[in-house]
Amino acid sequence: MRGLDELQNRRRARRWQRWTENEPEADYARRAGIGAAIGAVFMFGVFAMIVVGLVFLR
């Protein structure tokens, strides 16, 4: 009986490990999305500073 319990525990552990590990493609897509959001905010800031600079130079 103990051997069967051990096998079931191992099987459950393997299943849990596979279920919880991240797929590399999903991780890359998440990081790319974060990078794109940071880039968009940076570009918006640059354009806002250009507009503010042009208004003050007037």
N, C-alpha and C. Protein backbone atom coordinates (compact mmCIF):
# COMPACT_ATOMS: atom_id res chain seq x y z
N MET A 1 0.82 -1.20 0.00
CA MET A 1 0.00 0.00 0.00
C MET A 1 0.86 1.26 0.00
N ARG A 2 1.96 1.20 0.72
CA ARG A 2 2.84 2.36 0.80
C ARG A 2 3.46 2.70 -0.56
N GLY A 3 3.83 1.64 -1.30
CA GLY A 3 4.42 1.84 -2.62
C GLY A 3 3.46 2.51 -3.58
N LEU A 4 2.19 2.12 -3.52
CA LEU A 4 1.17 2.73 -4.37
C LEU A 4 0.98 4.21 -4.03
N ASP A 5 0.95 4.52 -2.75
CA ASP A 5 0.81 5.92 -2.32
C ASP A 5 1.99 6.75 -2.82
N GLU A 6 3.18 6.16 -2.75
CA GLU A 6 4.37 6.87 -3.21
C GLU A 6 4.29 7.16 -4.71
N LEU A 7 3.85 6.18 -5.48
CA LEU A 7 3.71 6.39 -6.93
C LEU A 7 2.66 7.46 -7.23
N GLN A 8 1.56 7.44 -6.51
CA GLN A 8 0.52 8.46 -6.73
C GLN A 8 1.04 9.85 -6.38
N ASN A 9 1.79 9.94 -5.29
CA ASN A 9 2.35 11.23 -4.91
C ASN A 9 3.32 11.74 -5.96
N ARG A 10 4.15 10.85 -6.50
CA ARG A 10 5.09 11.25 -7.55
C ARG A 10 4.35 11.73 -8.79
N ARG A 11 3.30 10.99 -9.16
CA ARG A 11 2.53 11.36 -10.34
C ARG A 11 1.87 12.73 -10.14
N ARG A 12 1.30 12.93 -8.95
CA ARG A 12 0.68 14.23 -8.65
C ARG A 12 1.71 15.35 -8.69
N ALA A 13 2.89 15.07 -8.14
CA ALA A 13 3.94 16.09 -8.10
C ALA A 13 4.38 16.45 -9.52
N ARG A 14 4.52 15.44 -10.38
CA ARG A 14 4.91 15.71 -11.77
C ARG A 14 3.85 16.53 -12.49
N ARG A 15 2.60 16.16 -12.27
CA ARG A 15 1.49 16.89 -12.89
C ARG A 15 1.48 18.34 -12.42
N TRP A 16 1.67 18.56 -11.13
CA TRP A 16 1.69 19.90 -10.56
C TRP A 16 2.85 20.71 -11.12
N GLN A 17 4.01 20.06 -11.26
CA GLN A 17 5.18 20.76 -11.79
C GLN A 17 4.93 21.20 -13.23
N ARG A 18 4.36 20.31 -14.03
CA ARG A 18 4.07 20.67 -15.42
C ARG A 18 3.03 21.77 -15.50
N TRP A 19 2.05 21.74 -14.61
CA TRP A 19 0.98 22.73 -14.63
C TRP A 19 1.48 24.11 -14.23
N THR A 20 2.46 24.15 -13.33
CA THR A 20 2.91 25.44 -12.81
C THR A 20 4.07 26.05 -13.59
N GLU A 21 4.75 25.28 -14.44
CA GLU A 21 5.89 25.88 -15.13
C GLU A 21 5.41 26.78 -16.26
N ASN A 22 6.16 27.86 -16.49
CA ASN A 22 5.80 28.84 -17.51
C ASN A 22 6.31 28.39 -18.86
N GLU A 23 5.53 28.67 -19.89
CA GLU A 23 6.01 28.42 -21.25
C GLU A 23 6.91 29.59 -21.64
N PRO A 24 8.05 29.31 -22.25
CA PRO A 24 8.96 30.40 -22.62
C PRO A 24 8.31 31.43 -23.54
N GLU A 25 7.48 30.97 -24.48
CA GLU A 25 6.84 31.91 -25.41
C GLU A 25 5.92 32.87 -24.68
N ALA A 26 5.17 32.36 -23.71
CA ALA A 26 4.27 33.21 -22.94
C ALA A 26 5.06 34.21 -22.11
N ASP A 27 6.18 33.77 -21.57
CA ASP A 27 7.02 34.66 -20.77
C ASP A 27 7.61 35.76 -21.64
N TYR A 28 8.09 35.40 -22.84
CA TYR A 28 8.65 36.40 -23.75
C TYR A 28 7.58 37.39 -24.18
N ALA A 29 6.38 36.90 -24.45
CA ALA A 29 5.29 37.79 -24.86
C ALA A 29 4.94 38.76 -23.74
N ARG A 30 4.94 38.28 -22.50
CA ARG A 30 4.64 39.16 -21.37
C ARG A 30 5.72 40.23 -21.24
N ARG A 31 6.98 39.83 -21.34
CA ARG A 31 8.07 40.80 -21.24
C ARG A 31 8.05 41.79 -22.39
N ALA A 32 7.71 41.33 -23.59
CA ALA A 32 7.62 42.22 -24.74
C ALA A 32 6.49 43.23 -24.53
N GLY A 33 5.39 42.79 -23.96
CA GLY A 33 4.28 43.71 -23.69
C GLY A 33 4.67 44.77 -22.67
N ILE A 34 5.40 44.36 -21.64
CA ILE A 34 5.86 45.32 -20.64
C ILE A 34 6.82 46.31 -21.27
N GLY A 35 7.74 45.81 -22.10
CA GLY A 35 8.69 46.69 -22.79
C GLY A 35 8.00 47.66 -23.72
N ALA A 36 6.98 47.19 -24.43
CA ALA A 36 6.23 48.06 -25.34
C ALA A 36 5.49 49.14 -24.56
N ALA A 37 4.93 48.79 -23.42
CA ALA A 37 4.23 49.78 -22.60
C ALA A 37 5.20 50.84 -22.07
N ILE A 38 6.37 50.40 -21.61
CA ILE A 38 7.37 51.36 -21.12
C ILE A 38 7.83 52.26 -22.26
N GLY A 39 8.05 51.68 -23.44
CA GLY A 39 8.46 52.46 -24.60
C GLY A 39 7.41 53.48 -25.00
N ALA A 40 6.14 53.08 -24.97
CA ALA A 40 5.06 54.00 -25.33
C ALA A 40 4.98 55.16 -24.35
N VAL A 41 5.13 54.88 -23.07
CA VAL A 41 5.11 55.95 -22.06
C VAL A 41 6.29 56.89 -22.26
N PHE A 42 7.46 56.33 -22.56
CA PHE A 42 8.64 57.16 -22.79
C PHE A 42 8.44 58.06 -24.01
N MET A 43 7.93 57.49 -25.11
CA MET A 43 7.70 58.30 -26.32
C MET A 43 6.65 59.38 -26.07
N PHE A 44 5.60 59.05 -25.33
CA PHE A 44 4.60 60.06 -24.99
C PHE A 44 5.24 61.19 -24.19
N GLY A 45 6.12 60.84 -23.26
CA GLY A 45 6.82 61.86 -22.48
C GLY A 45 7.69 62.74 -23.34
N VAL A 46 8.39 62.13 -24.30
CA VAL A 46 9.24 62.91 -25.22
C VAL A 46 8.39 63.87 -26.04
N PHE A 47 7.30 63.37 -26.60
CA PHE A 47 6.43 64.25 -27.40
C PHE A 47 5.81 65.36 -26.54
N ALA A 48 5.44 65.05 -25.32
CA ALA A 48 4.88 66.06 -24.42
C ALA A 48 5.92 67.13 -24.12
N MET A 49 7.17 66.73 -23.89
CA MET A 49 8.23 67.71 -23.62
C MET A 49 8.50 68.57 -24.85
N ILE A 50 8.42 67.99 -26.05
CA ILE A 50 8.61 68.78 -27.27
C ILE A 50 7.51 69.81 -27.39
N VAL A 51 6.27 69.41 -27.15
CA VAL A 51 5.15 70.35 -27.25
C VAL A 51 5.29 71.45 -26.21
N VAL A 52 5.63 71.09 -24.98
CA VAL A 52 5.81 72.10 -23.92
C VAL A 52 6.95 73.04 -24.30
N GLY A 53 8.03 72.50 -24.82
CA GLY A 53 9.16 73.34 -25.24
C GLY A 53 8.77 74.29 -26.35
N LEU A 54 8.02 73.82 -27.33
CA LEU A 54 7.59 74.69 -28.43
C LEU A 54 6.64 75.78 -27.95
N VAL A 55 5.78 75.46 -27.00
CA VAL A 55 4.85 76.46 -26.47
C VAL A 55 5.62 77.54 -25.73
N PHE A 56 6.63 77.16 -24.96
CA PHE A 56 7.40 78.16 -24.21
C PHE A 56 8.33 78.97 -25.11
N LEU A 57 8.74 78.42 -26.24
CA LEU A 57 9.61 79.16 -27.16
C LEU A 57 8.85 80.19 -27.97
N ARG A 58 7.58 80.09 -28.01
CA ARG A 58 6.73 80.96 -28.80
C ARG A 58 6.92 82.37 -28.41
